[in-house]
Amino acid sequence: MTYLPATLFTAPVVINRPWLKSLGADLEKIVREESRKAEEVFGEWNINDITSKEEVWKKNGGEIITMSQDESKRYIDTVSPVVASTLSANPKVKEDYEALLAAAKKYRQ
């Protein structure tokens, strides 16, 4: 099992804003609060699930490989232009991709 740098799995949760607003302030607040709680539970579950799968992998003779810093940089440098080109081929996907890039740039530490 080789961990690839900058590879991520996202489970997007989307909601229709007009529908959310149609609930009224009290119910909208509840939906938002419960969504945040679910996000925390899912995040914790996901980390525990990855850890347990790694343990099973190793127990059965598997190896976990993490790339060196140089290998990671080379991978990112090679893959990034392909990803950008592929995701930009569809105008709607390109718009979403650019929004995600802007958010990543704003919040990445």
PDB file of N, CA and C in Angstrom:
ATOM      1  N   MET A   1       0.860  -1.159   0.000  1.00  0.00           N
ATOM      2  CA  MET A   1       0.000   0.000   0.000  1.00  0.00           C
ATOM      3  C   MET A   1       0.904   1.219   0.000  1.00  0.00           C
ATOM      4  N   THR A   2       0.773   2.037  -1.012  1.00  0.00           N
ATOM      5  CA  THR A   2       1.579   3.254  -1.096  1.00  0.00           C
ATOM      6  C   THR A   2       0.673   4.467  -0.937  1.00  0.00           C
ATOM      7  N   TYR A   3       0.977   5.254   0.082  1.00  0.00           N
ATOM      8  CA  TYR A   3       0.229   6.496   0.266  1.00  0.00           C
ATOM      9  C   TYR A   3       0.746   7.529  -0.724  1.00  0.00           C
ATOM     10  N   LEU A   4      -0.161   8.102  -1.462  1.00  0.00           N
ATOM     11  CA  LEU A   4       0.209   9.126  -2.432  1.00  0.00           C
ATOM     12  C   LEU A   4       0.020  10.501  -1.803  1.00  0.00           C
ATOM     13  N   PRO A   5       0.974  11.387  -1.991  1.00  0.00           N
ATOM     14  CA  PRO A   5       0.842  12.727  -1.415  1.00  0.00           C
ATOM     15  C   PRO A   5      -0.281  13.505  -2.084  1.00  0.00           C
ATOM     16  N   ALA A   6      -0.941  14.311  -1.288  1.00  0.00           N
ATOM     17  CA  ALA A   6      -2.006  15.193  -1.757  1.00  0.00           C
ATOM     18  C   ALA A   6      -3.181  14.436  -2.347  1.00  0.00           C
ATOM     19  N   THR A   7      -3.290  13.166  -2.005  1.00  0.00           N
ATOM     20  CA  THR A   7      -4.442  12.395  -2.446  1.00  0.00           C
ATOM     21  C   THR A   7      -5.445  12.425  -1.302  1.00  0.00           C
ATOM     22  N   LEU A   8      -6.659  12.669  -1.639  1.00  0.00           N
ATOM     23  CA  LEU A   8      -7.651  12.737  -0.594  1.00  0.00           C
ATOM     24  C   LEU A   8      -8.960  12.140  -1.066  1.00  0.00           C
ATOM     25  N   PHE A   9      -9.725  11.787  -0.089  1.00  0.00           N
ATOM     26  CA  PHE A   9     -11.063  11.287  -0.352  1.00  0.00           C
ATOM     27  C   PHE A   9     -12.013  12.290   0.262  1.00  0.00           C
ATOM     28  N   THR A  10     -12.949  12.724  -0.492  1.00  0.00           N
ATOM     29  CA  THR A  10     -13.928  13.646   0.059  1.00  0.00           C
ATOM     30  C   THR A  10     -15.303  13.028  -0.047  1.00  0.00           C
ATOM     31  N   ALA A  11     -16.067  13.265   0.943  1.00  0.00           N
ATOM     32  CA  ALA A  11     -17.457  12.843   0.922  1.00  0.00           C
ATOM     33  C   ALA A  11     -18.271  14.134   0.996  1.00  0.00           C
ATOM     34  N   PRO A  12     -18.556  14.694  -0.158  1.00  0.00           N
ATOM     35  CA  PRO A  12     -19.236  15.987  -0.136  1.00  0.00           C
ATOM     36  C   PRO A  12     -20.654  15.875   0.403  1.00  0.00           C
ATOM     37  N   VAL A  13     -20.978  16.828   1.187  1.00  0.00           N
ATOM     38  CA  VAL A  13     -22.346  16.940   1.689  1.00  0.00           C
ATOM     39  C   VAL A  13     -22.869  18.252   1.141  1.00  0.00           C
ATOM     40  N   VAL A  14     -23.911  18.156   0.380  1.00  0.00           N
ATOM     41  CA  VAL A  14     -24.462  19.359  -0.227  1.00  0.00           C
ATOM     42  C   VAL A  14     -25.927  19.488   0.157  1.00  0.00           C
ATOM     43  N   ILE A  15     -26.355  20.697   0.159  1.00  0.00           N
ATOM     44  CA  ILE A  15     -27.746  20.967   0.493  1.00  0.00           C
ATOM     45  C   ILE A  15     -28.221  22.135  -0.369  1.00  0.00           C
ATOM     46  N   ASN A  16     -29.437  22.107  -0.710  1.00  0.00           N
ATOM     47  CA  ASN A  16     -30.032  23.153  -1.515  1.00  0.00           C
ATOM     48  C   ASN A  16     -30.294  24.362  -0.610  1.00  0.00           C
ATOM     49  N   ARG A  17     -29.624  25.468  -0.894  1.00  0.00           N
ATOM     50  CA  ARG A  17     -29.753  26.653  -0.031  1.00  0.00           C
ATOM     51  C   ARG A  17     -31.179  27.188   0.052  1.00  0.00           C
ATOM     52  N   PRO A  18     -31.893  27.291  -1.079  1.00  0.00           N
ATOM     53  CA  PRO A  18     -33.283  27.762  -0.944  1.00  0.00           C
ATOM     54  C   PRO A  18     -34.116  26.843  -0.034  1.00  0.00           C
ATOM     55  N   TRP A  19     -33.909  25.524  -0.140  1.00  0.00           N
ATOM     56  CA  TRP A  19     -34.643  24.602   0.734  1.00  0.00           C
ATOM     57  C   TRP A  19     -34.260  24.844   2.189  1.00  0.00           C
ATOM     58  N   LEU A  20     -32.957  24.982   2.460  1.00  0.00           N
ATOM     59  CA  LEU A  20     -32.500  25.208   3.819  1.00  0.00           C
ATOM     60  C   LEU A  20     -33.127  26.479   4.386  1.00  0.00           C
ATOM     61  N   LYS A  21     -33.138  27.538   3.601  1.00  0.00           N
ATOM     62  CA  LYS A  21     -33.725  28.803   4.051  1.00  0.00           C
ATOM     63  C   LYS A  21     -35.236  28.674   4.257  1.00  0.00           C
ATOM     64  N   SER A  22     -35.864  27.788   3.471  1.00  0.00           N
ATOM     65  CA  SER A  22     -37.323  27.614   3.589  1.00  0.00           C
ATOM     66  C   SER A  22     -37.716  26.981   4.915  1.00  0.00           C
ATOM     67  N   LEU A  23     -36.768  26.401   5.621  1.00  0.00           N
ATOM     68  CA  LEU A  23     -37.068  25.762   6.904  1.00  0.00           C
ATOM     69  C   LEU A  23     -37.342  26.776   8.007  1.00  0.00           C
ATOM     70  N   GLY A  24     -36.842  27.976   7.805  1.00  0.00           N
ATOM     71  CA  GLY A  24     -36.947  28.977   8.860  1.00  0.00           C
ATOM     72  C   GLY A  24     -35.683  28.939   9.714  1.00  0.00           C
ATOM     73  N   ALA A  25     -35.467  30.002  10.437  1.00  0.00           N
ATOM     74  CA  ALA A  25     -34.217  30.177  11.181  1.00  0.00           C
ATOM     75  C   ALA A  25     -33.981  29.072  12.213  1.00  0.00           C
ATOM     76  N   ASP A  26     -35.021  28.696  12.953  1.00  0.00           N
ATOM     77  CA  ASP A  26     -34.838  27.696  14.013  1.00  0.00           C
ATOM     78  C   ASP A  26     -34.450  26.338  13.447  1.00  0.00           C
ATOM     79  N   LEU A  27     -35.182  25.862  12.460  1.00  0.00           N
ATOM     80  CA  LEU A  27     -34.870  24.555  11.875  1.00  0.00           C
ATOM     81  C   LEU A  27     -33.558  24.587  11.100  1.00  0.00           C
ATOM     82  N   GLU A  28     -33.276  25.686  10.430  1.00  0.00           N
ATOM     83  CA  GLU A  28     -32.000  25.798   9.714  1.00  0.00           C
ATOM     84  C   GLU A  28     -30.842  25.655  10.702  1.00  0.00           C
ATOM     85  N   LYS A  29     -30.970  26.305  11.847  1.00  0.00           N
ATOM     86  CA  LYS A  29     -29.923  26.219  12.865  1.00  0.00           C
ATOM     87  C   LYS A  29     -29.738  24.770  13.316  1.00  0.00           C
ATOM     88  N   ILE A  30     -30.823  24.054  13.520  1.00  0.00           N
ATOM     89  CA  ILE A  30     -30.751  22.655  13.955  1.00  0.00           C
ATOM     90  C   ILE A  30     -30.077  21.801  12.883  1.00  0.00           C
ATOM     91  N   VAL A  31     -30.461  21.987  11.625  1.00  0.00           N
ATOM     92  CA  VAL A  31     -29.860  21.214  10.532  1.00  0.00           C
ATOM     93  C   VAL A  31     -28.354  21.472  10.474  1.00  0.00           C
ATOM     94  N   ARG A  32     -27.962  22.727  10.595  1.00  0.00           N
ATOM     95  CA  ARG A  32     -26.531  23.059  10.558  1.00  0.00           C
ATOM     96  C   ARG A  32     -25.784  22.437  11.743  1.00  0.00           C
ATOM     97  N   GLU A  33     -26.356  22.527  12.936  1.00  0.00           N
ATOM     98  CA  GLU A  33     -25.716  21.954  14.125  1.00  0.00           C
ATOM     99  C   GLU A  33     -25.576  20.437  14.003  1.00  0.00           C
ATOM    100  N   GLU A  34     -26.626  19.771  13.565  1.00  0.00           N
ATOM    101  CA  GLU A  34     -26.578  18.315  13.429  1.00  0.00           C
ATOM    102  C   GLU A  34     -25.609  17.888  12.333  1.00  0.00           C
ATOM    103  N   SER A  35     -25.508  18.696  11.297  1.00  0.00           N
ATOM    104  CA  SER A  35     -24.551  18.400  10.229  1.00  0.00           C
ATOM    105  C   SER A  35     -23.121  18.456  10.757  1.00  0.00           C
ATOM    106  N   ARG A  36     -22.844  19.456  11.566  1.00  0.00           N
ATOM    107  CA  ARG A  36     -21.493  19.569  12.145  1.00  0.00           C
ATOM    108  C   ARG A  36     -21.193  18.380  13.058  1.00  0.00           C
ATOM    109  N   LYS A  37     -22.183  17.952  13.834  1.00  0.00           N
ATOM    110  CA  LYS A  37     -21.993  16.784  14.704  1.00  0.00           C
ATOM    111  C   LYS A  37     -21.705  15.543  13.862  1.00  0.00           C
ATOM    112  N   ALA A  38     -22.463  15.361  12.799  1.00  0.00           N
ATOM    113  CA  ALA A  38     -22.265  14.200  11.924  1.00  0.00           C
ATOM    114  C   ALA A  38     -20.883  14.240  11.279  1.00  0.00           C
ATOM    115  N   GLU A  39     -20.430  15.425  10.922  1.00  0.00           N
ATOM    116  CA  GLU A  39     -19.103  15.574  10.319  1.00  0.00           C
ATOM    117  C   GLU A  39     -18.012  15.105  11.281  1.00  0.00           C
ATOM    118  N   GLU A  40     -18.147  15.462  12.548  1.00  0.00           N
ATOM    119  CA  GLU A  40     -17.164  15.036  13.550  1.00  0.00           C
ATOM    120  C   GLU A  40     -17.173  13.514  13.708  1.00  0.00           C
ATOM    121  N   VAL A  41     -18.367  12.932  13.775  1.00  0.00           N
ATOM    122  CA  VAL A  41     -18.481  11.483  13.924  1.00  0.00           C
ATOM    123  C   VAL A  41     -17.873  10.786  12.710  1.00  0.00           C
ATOM    124  N   PHE A  42     -18.203  11.261  11.517  1.00  0.00           N
ATOM    125  CA  PHE A  42     -17.675  10.644  10.304  1.00  0.00           C
ATOM    126  C   PHE A  42     -16.162  10.773  10.247  1.00  0.00           C
ATOM    127  N   GLY A  43     -15.633  11.932  10.595  1.00  0.00           N
ATOM    128  CA  GLY A  43     -14.190  12.140  10.569  1.00  0.00           C
ATOM    129  C   GLY A  43     -13.480  11.182  11.500  1.00  0.00           C
ATOM    130  N   GLU A  44     -13.986  11.046  12.719  1.00  0.00           N
ATOM    131  CA  GLU A  44     -13.383  10.126  13.684  1.00  0.00           C
ATOM    132  C   GLU A  44     -13.506   8.682  13.203  1.00  0.00           C
ATOM    133  N   TRP A  45     -14.671   8.312  12.692  1.00  0.00           N
ATOM    134  CA  TRP A  45     -14.870   6.962  12.182  1.00  0.00           C
ATOM    135  C   TRP A  45     -13.897   6.676  11.044  1.00  0.00           C
ATOM    136  N   ASN A  46     -13.740   7.631  10.149  1.00  0.00           N
ATOM    137  CA  ASN A  46     -12.873   7.443   8.986  1.00  0.00           C
ATOM    138  C   ASN A  46     -11.430   7.194   9.413  1.00  0.00           C
ATOM    139  N   ILE A  47     -10.940   7.975  10.355  1.00  0.00           N
ATOM    140  CA  ILE A  47      -9.564   7.796  10.839  1.00  0.00           C
ATOM    141  C   ILE A  47      -9.406   6.422  11.480  1.00  0.00           C
ATOM    142  N   ASN A  48     -10.370   6.033  12.314  1.00  0.00           N
ATOM    143  CA  ASN A  48     -10.311   4.719  12.955  1.00  0.00           C
ATOM    144  C   ASN A  48     -10.385   3.600  11.921  1.00  0.00           C
ATOM    145  N   ASP A  49     -11.194   3.790  10.884  1.00  0.00           N
ATOM    146  CA  ASP A  49     -11.327   2.777   9.838  1.00  0.00           C
ATOM    147  C   ASP A  49     -10.006   2.608   9.084  1.00  0.00           C
ATOM    148  N   ILE A  50      -9.354   3.704   8.768  1.00  0.00           N
ATOM    149  CA  ILE A  50      -8.062   3.637   8.072  1.00  0.00           C
ATOM    150  C   ILE A  50      -7.046   2.907   8.943  1.00  0.00           C
ATOM    151  N   THR A  51      -7.000   3.259  10.223  1.00  0.00           N
ATOM    152  CA  THR A  51      -6.058   2.626  11.140  1.00  0.00           C
ATOM    153  C   THR A  51      -6.306   1.121  11.225  1.00  0.00           C
ATOM    154  N   SER A  52      -7.559   0.715  11.350  1.00  0.00           N
ATOM    155  CA  SER A  52      -7.851  -0.718  11.453  1.00  0.00           C
ATOM    156  C   SER A  52      -7.503  -1.452  10.156  1.00  0.00           C
ATOM    157  N   LYS A  53      -7.730  -0.827   9.016  1.00  0.00           N
ATOM    158  CA  LYS A  53      -7.381  -1.460   7.732  1.00  0.00           C
ATOM    159  C   LYS A  53      -5.868  -1.588   7.577  1.00  0.00           C
ATOM    160  N   GLU A  54      -5.123  -0.592   8.051  1.00  0.00           N
ATOM    161  CA  GLU A  54      -3.663  -0.675   8.010  1.00  0.00           C
ATOM    162  C   GLU A  54      -3.179  -1.841   8.865  1.00  0.00           C
ATOM    163  N   GLU A  55      -3.775  -2.010  10.036  1.00  0.00           N
ATOM    164  CA  GLU A  55      -3.377  -3.104  10.927  1.00  0.00           C
ATOM    165  C   GLU A  55      -3.626  -4.462  10.274  1.00  0.00           C
ATOM    166  N   VAL A  56      -4.777  -4.619   9.642  1.00  0.00           N
ATOM    167  CA  VAL A  56      -5.095  -5.872   8.951  1.00  0.00           C
ATOM    168  C   VAL A  56      -4.111  -6.085   7.801  1.00  0.00           C
ATOM    169  N   TRP A  57      -3.815  -5.028   7.070  1.00  0.00           N
ATOM    170  CA  TRP A  57      -2.886  -5.114   5.940  1.00  0.00           C
ATOM    171  C   TRP A  57      -1.522  -5.622   6.408  1.00  0.00           C
ATOM    172  N   LYS A  58      -0.998  -5.000   7.475  1.00  0.00           N
ATOM    173  CA  LYS A  58       0.315  -5.385   8.000  1.00  0.00           C
ATOM    174  C   LYS A  58       0.284  -6.800   8.589  1.00  0.00           C
ATOM    175  N   LYS A  59      -0.789  -7.124   9.289  1.00  0.00           N
ATOM    176  CA  LYS A  59      -0.929  -8.451   9.899  1.00  0.00           C
ATOM    177  C   LYS A  59      -0.861  -9.553   8.840  1.00  0.00           C
ATOM    178  N   ASN A  60      -1.349  -9.251   7.650  1.00  0.00           N
ATOM    179  CA  ASN A  60      -1.368 -10.226   6.565  1.00  0.00           C
ATOM    180  C   ASN A  60      -0.165 -10.103   5.637  1.00  0.00           C
ATOM    181  N   GLY A  61       0.883  -9.447   6.119  1.00  0.00           N
ATOM    182  CA  GLY A  61       2.132  -9.380   5.368  1.00  0.00           C
ATOM    183  C   GLY A  61       2.273  -8.180   4.452  1.00  0.00           C
ATOM    184  N   GLY A  62       1.318  -7.284   4.471  1.00  0.00           N
ATOM    185  CA  GLY A  62       1.390  -6.102   3.611  1.00  0.00           C
ATOM    186  C   GLY A  62       2.374  -5.078   4.148  1.00  0.00           C
ATOM    187  N   GLU A  63       2.832  -4.244   3.266  1.00  0.00           N
ATOM    188  CA  GLU A  63       3.778  -3.177   3.604  1.00  0.00           C
ATOM    189  C   GLU A  63       3.098  -1.844   3.310  1.00  0.00           C
ATOM    190  N   ILE A  64       3.331  -0.883   4.163  1.00  0.00           N
ATOM    191  CA  ILE A  64       2.809   0.465   3.947  1.00  0.00           C
ATOM    192  C   ILE A  64       3.988   1.352   3.583  1.00  0.00           C
ATOM    193  N   ILE A  65       3.882   2.002   2.429  1.00  0.00           N
ATOM    194  CA  ILE A  65       4.973   2.820   1.904  1.00  0.00           C
ATOM    195  C   ILE A  65       4.539   4.284   1.888  1.00  0.00           C
ATOM    196  N   THR A  66       5.399   5.116   2.419  1.00  0.00           N
ATOM    197  CA  THR A  66       5.186   6.557   2.361  1.00  0.00           C
ATOM    198  C   THR A  66       6.346   7.137   1.562  1.00  0.00           C
ATOM    199  N   MET A  67       6.031   7.944   0.581  1.00  0.00           N
ATOM    200  CA  MET A  67       7.069   8.513  -0.282  1.00  0.00           C
ATOM    201  C   MET A  67       7.944   9.500   0.487  1.00  0.00           C
ATOM    202  N   SER A  68       9.188   9.592   0.056  1.00  0.00           N
ATOM    203  CA  SER A  68      10.095  10.584   0.626  1.00  0.00           C
ATOM    204  C   SER A  68       9.624  11.974   0.178  1.00  0.00           C
ATOM    205  N   GLN A  69      10.199  12.987   0.769  1.00  0.00           N
ATOM    206  CA  GLN A  69       9.841  14.363   0.407  1.00  0.00           C
ATOM    207  C   GLN A  69      10.139  14.636  -1.069  1.00  0.00           C
ATOM    208  N   ASP A  70      11.270  14.169  -1.559  1.00  0.00           N
ATOM    209  CA  ASP A  70      11.636  14.369  -2.970  1.00  0.00           C
ATOM    210  C   ASP A  70      10.676  13.611  -3.897  1.00  0.00           C
ATOM    211  N   GLU A  71      10.352  12.369  -3.533  1.00  0.00           N
ATOM    212  CA  GLU A  71       9.423  11.582  -4.343  1.00  0.00           C
ATOM    213  C   GLU A  71       8.034  12.225  -4.351  1.00  0.00           C
ATOM    214  N   SER A  72       7.618  12.713  -3.201  1.00  0.00           N
ATOM    215  CA  SER A  72       6.317  13.370  -3.095  1.00  0.00           C
ATOM    216  C   SER A  72       6.249  14.607  -3.983  1.00  0.00           C
ATOM    217  N   LYS A  73       7.303  15.408  -3.953  1.00  0.00           N
ATOM    218  CA  LYS A  73       7.339  16.614  -4.789  1.00  0.00           C
ATOM    219  C   LYS A  73       7.287  16.248  -6.270  1.00  0.00           C
ATOM    220  N   ARG A  74       8.063  15.249  -6.662  1.00  0.00           N
ATOM    221  CA  ARG A  74       8.073  14.819  -8.060  1.00  0.00           C
ATOM    222  C   ARG A  74       6.681  14.313  -8.475  1.00  0.00           C
ATOM    223  N   TYR A  75       6.040  13.567  -7.598  1.00  0.00           N
ATOM    224  CA  TYR A  75       4.692  13.064  -7.873  1.00  0.00           C
ATOM    225  C   TYR A  75       3.715  14.229  -8.079  1.00  0.00           C
ATOM    226  N   ILE A  76       3.717  15.175  -7.147  1.00  0.00           N
ATOM    227  CA  ILE A  76       2.812  16.332  -7.229  1.00  0.00           C
ATOM    228  C   ILE A  76       3.089  17.140  -8.494  1.00  0.00           C
ATOM    229  N   ASP A  77       4.351  17.373  -8.785  1.00  0.00           N
ATOM    230  CA  ASP A  77       4.724  18.135  -9.982  1.00  0.00           C
ATOM    231  C   ASP A  77       4.273  17.437 -11.264  1.00  0.00           C
ATOM    232  N   THR A  78       4.261  16.119 -11.259  1.00  0.00           N
ATOM    233  CA  THR A  78       3.860  15.348 -12.443  1.00  0.00           C
ATOM    234  C   THR A  78       2.338  15.287 -12.580  1.00  0.00           C
ATOM    235  N   VAL A  79       1.664  15.081 -11.471  1.00  0.00           N
ATOM    236  CA  VAL A  79       0.221  14.840 -11.495  1.00  0.00           C
ATOM    237  C   VAL A  79      -0.607  16.128 -11.583  1.00  0.00           C
ATOM    238  N   SER A  80      -0.163  17.187 -10.947  1.00  0.00           N
ATOM    239  CA  SER A  80      -0.969  18.420 -10.870  1.00  0.00           C
ATOM    240  C   SER A  80      -1.404  18.964 -12.227  1.00  0.00           C
ATOM    241  N   PRO A  81      -0.520  19.082 -13.209  1.00  0.00           N
ATOM    242  CA  PRO A  81      -0.973  19.603 -14.508  1.00  0.00           C
ATOM    243  C   PRO A  81      -2.001  18.688 -15.191  1.00  0.00           C
ATOM    244  N   VAL A  82      -1.862  17.389 -14.993  1.00  0.00           N
ATOM    245  CA  VAL A  82      -2.811  16.438 -15.597  1.00  0.00           C
ATOM    246  C   VAL A  82      -4.177  16.597 -14.949  1.00  0.00           C
ATOM    247  N   VAL A  83      -4.193  16.711 -13.636  1.00  0.00           N
ATOM    248  CA  VAL A  83      -5.453  16.888 -12.911  1.00  0.00           C
ATOM    249  C   VAL A  83      -6.130  18.181 -13.360  1.00  0.00           C
ATOM    250  N   ALA A  84      -5.374  19.270 -13.394  1.00  0.00           N
ATOM    251  CA  ALA A  84      -5.940  20.556 -13.798  1.00  0.00           C
ATOM    252  C   ALA A  84      -6.499  20.487 -15.214  1.00  0.00           C
ATOM    253  N   SER A  85      -5.775  19.871 -16.111  1.00  0.00           N
ATOM    254  CA  SER A  85      -6.224  19.748 -17.503  1.00  0.00           C
ATOM    255  C   SER A  85      -7.497  18.908 -17.603  1.00  0.00           C
ATOM    256  N   THR A  86      -7.508  17.792 -16.899  1.00  0.00           N
ATOM    257  CA  THR A  86      -8.666  16.891 -16.933  1.00  0.00           C
ATOM    258  C   THR A  86      -9.901  17.557 -16.337  1.00  0.00           C
ATOM    259  N   LEU A  87      -9.735  18.177 -15.178  1.00  0.00           N
ATOM    260  CA  LEU A  87     -10.884  18.787 -14.510  1.00  0.00           C
ATOM    261  C   LEU A  87     -11.350  20.067 -15.195  1.00  0.00           C
ATOM    262  N   SER A  88     -10.505  20.670 -15.982  1.00  0.00           N
ATOM    263  CA  SER A  88     -10.887  21.902 -16.677  1.00  0.00           C
ATOM    264  C   SER A  88     -11.561  21.640 -18.019  1.00  0.00           C
ATOM    265  N   ALA A  89     -11.609  20.384 -18.442  1.00  0.00           N
ATOM    266  CA  ALA A  89     -12.209  20.060 -19.743  1.00  0.00           C
ATOM    267  C   ALA A  89     -13.710  20.311 -19.758  1.00  0.00           C
ATOM    268  N   ASN A  90     -14.364  20.150 -18.620  1.00  0.00           N
ATOM    269  CA  ASN A  90     -15.801  20.375 -18.507  1.00  0.00           C
ATOM    270  C   ASN A  90     -16.007  21.714 -17.800  1.00  0.00           C
ATOM    271  N   PRO A  91     -16.728  22.665 -18.412  1.00  0.00           N
ATOM    272  CA  PRO A  91     -16.863  23.995 -17.812  1.00  0.00           C
ATOM    273  C   PRO A  91     -17.428  23.990 -16.388  1.00  0.00           C
ATOM    274  N   LYS A  92     -18.408  23.133 -16.104  1.00  0.00           N
ATOM    275  CA  LYS A  92     -18.996  23.107 -14.762  1.00  0.00           C
ATOM    276  C   LYS A  92     -17.999  22.525 -13.755  1.00  0.00           C
ATOM    277  N   VAL A  93     -17.321  21.459 -14.146  1.00  0.00           N
ATOM    278  CA  VAL A  93     -16.320  20.854 -13.263  1.00  0.00           C
ATOM    279  C   VAL A  93     -15.177  21.840 -13.045  1.00  0.00           C
ATOM    280  N   LYS A  94     -14.808  22.554 -14.099  1.00  0.00           N
ATOM    281  CA  LYS A  94     -13.737  23.549 -13.986  1.00  0.00           C
ATOM    282  C   LYS A  94     -14.113  24.622 -12.962  1.00  0.00           C
ATOM    283  N   GLU A  95     -15.346  25.074 -13.018  1.00  0.00           N
ATOM    284  CA  GLU A  95     -15.823  26.086 -12.074  1.00  0.00           C
ATOM    285  C   GLU A  95     -15.733  25.562 -10.632  1.00  0.00           C
ATOM    286  N   ASP A  96     -16.181  24.333 -10.422  1.00  0.00           N
ATOM    287  CA  ASP A  96     -16.117  23.729  -9.090  1.00  0.00           C
ATOM    288  C   ASP A  96     -14.667  23.541  -8.646  1.00  0.00           C
ATOM    289  N   TYR A  97     -13.835  23.069  -9.551  1.00  0.00           N
ATOM    290  CA  TYR A  97     -12.419  22.841  -9.257  1.00  0.00           C
ATOM    291  C   TYR A  97     -11.745  24.151  -8.852  1.00  0.00           C
ATOM    292  N   GLU A  98     -12.020  25.211  -9.590  1.00  0.00           N
ATOM    293  CA  GLU A  98     -11.425  26.505  -9.268  1.00  0.00           C
ATOM    294  C   GLU A  98     -11.904  27.018  -7.909  1.00  0.00           C
ATOM    295  N   ALA A  99     -13.177  26.763  -7.575  1.00  0.00           N
ATOM    296  CA  ALA A  99     -13.690  27.162  -6.258  1.00  0.00           C
ATOM    297  C   ALA A  99     -12.987  26.387  -5.150  1.00  0.00           C
ATOM    298  N   LEU A 100     -12.760  25.092  -5.371  1.00  0.00           N
ATOM    299  CA  LEU A 100     -12.044  24.283  -4.381  1.00  0.00           C
ATOM    300  C   LEU A 100     -10.595  24.737  -4.242  1.00  0.00           C
ATOM    301  N   LEU A 101      -9.951  25.063  -5.358  1.00  0.00           N
ATOM    302  CA  LEU A 101      -8.574  25.571  -5.298  1.00  0.00           C
ATOM    303  C   LEU A 101      -8.497  26.868  -4.501  1.00  0.00           C
ATOM    304  N   ALA A 102      -9.449  27.752  -4.735  1.00  0.00           N
ATOM    305  CA  ALA A 102      -9.472  29.042  -3.999  1.00  0.00           C
ATOM    306  C   ALA A 102      -9.667  28.800  -2.507  1.00  0.00           C
ATOM    307  N   ALA A 103     -10.564  27.881  -2.158  1.00  0.00           N
ATOM    308  CA  ALA A 103     -10.786  27.575  -0.737  1.00  0.00           C
ATOM    309  C   ALA A 103      -9.531  26.946  -0.137  1.00  0.00           C
ATOM    310  N   ALA A 104      -8.888  26.051  -0.861  1.00  0.00           N
ATOM    311  CA  ALA A 104      -7.679  25.408  -0.364  1.00  0.00           C
ATOM    312  C   ALA A 104      -6.582  26.448  -0.122  1.00  0.00           C
ATOM    313  N   LYS A 105      -6.437  27.347  -1.062  1.00  0.00           N
ATOM    314  CA  LYS A 105      -5.413  28.394  -0.935  1.00  0.00           C
ATOM    315  C   LYS A 105      -5.693  29.267   0.288  1.00  0.00           C
ATOM    316  N   LYS A 106      -6.966  29.564   0.507  1.00  0.00           N
ATOM    317  CA  LYS A 106      -7.348  30.425   1.625  1.00  0.00           C
ATOM    318  C   LYS A 106      -7.118  29.743   2.980  1.00  0.00           C
ATOM    319  N   TYR A 107      -7.435  28.448   3.056  1.00  0.00           N
ATOM    320  CA  TYR A 107      -7.429  27.773   4.351  1.00  0.00           C
ATOM    321  C   TYR A 107      -6.252  26.825   4.589  1.00  0.00           C
ATOM    322  N   ARG A 108      -5.492  26.525   3.559  1.00  0.00           N
ATOM    323  CA  ARG A 108      -4.371  25.590   3.721  1.00  0.00           C
ATOM    324  C   ARG A 108      -3.317  26.199   4.622  1.00  0.00           C
ATOM    325  N   GLN A 109      -2.796  25.386   5.506  1.00  0.00           N
ATOM    326  CA  GLN A 109      -1.790  25.872   6.458  1.00  0.00           C
ATOM    327  C   GLN A 109      -0.444  25.304   6.136  1.00  0.00           C
TER     328      GLN A 109
END
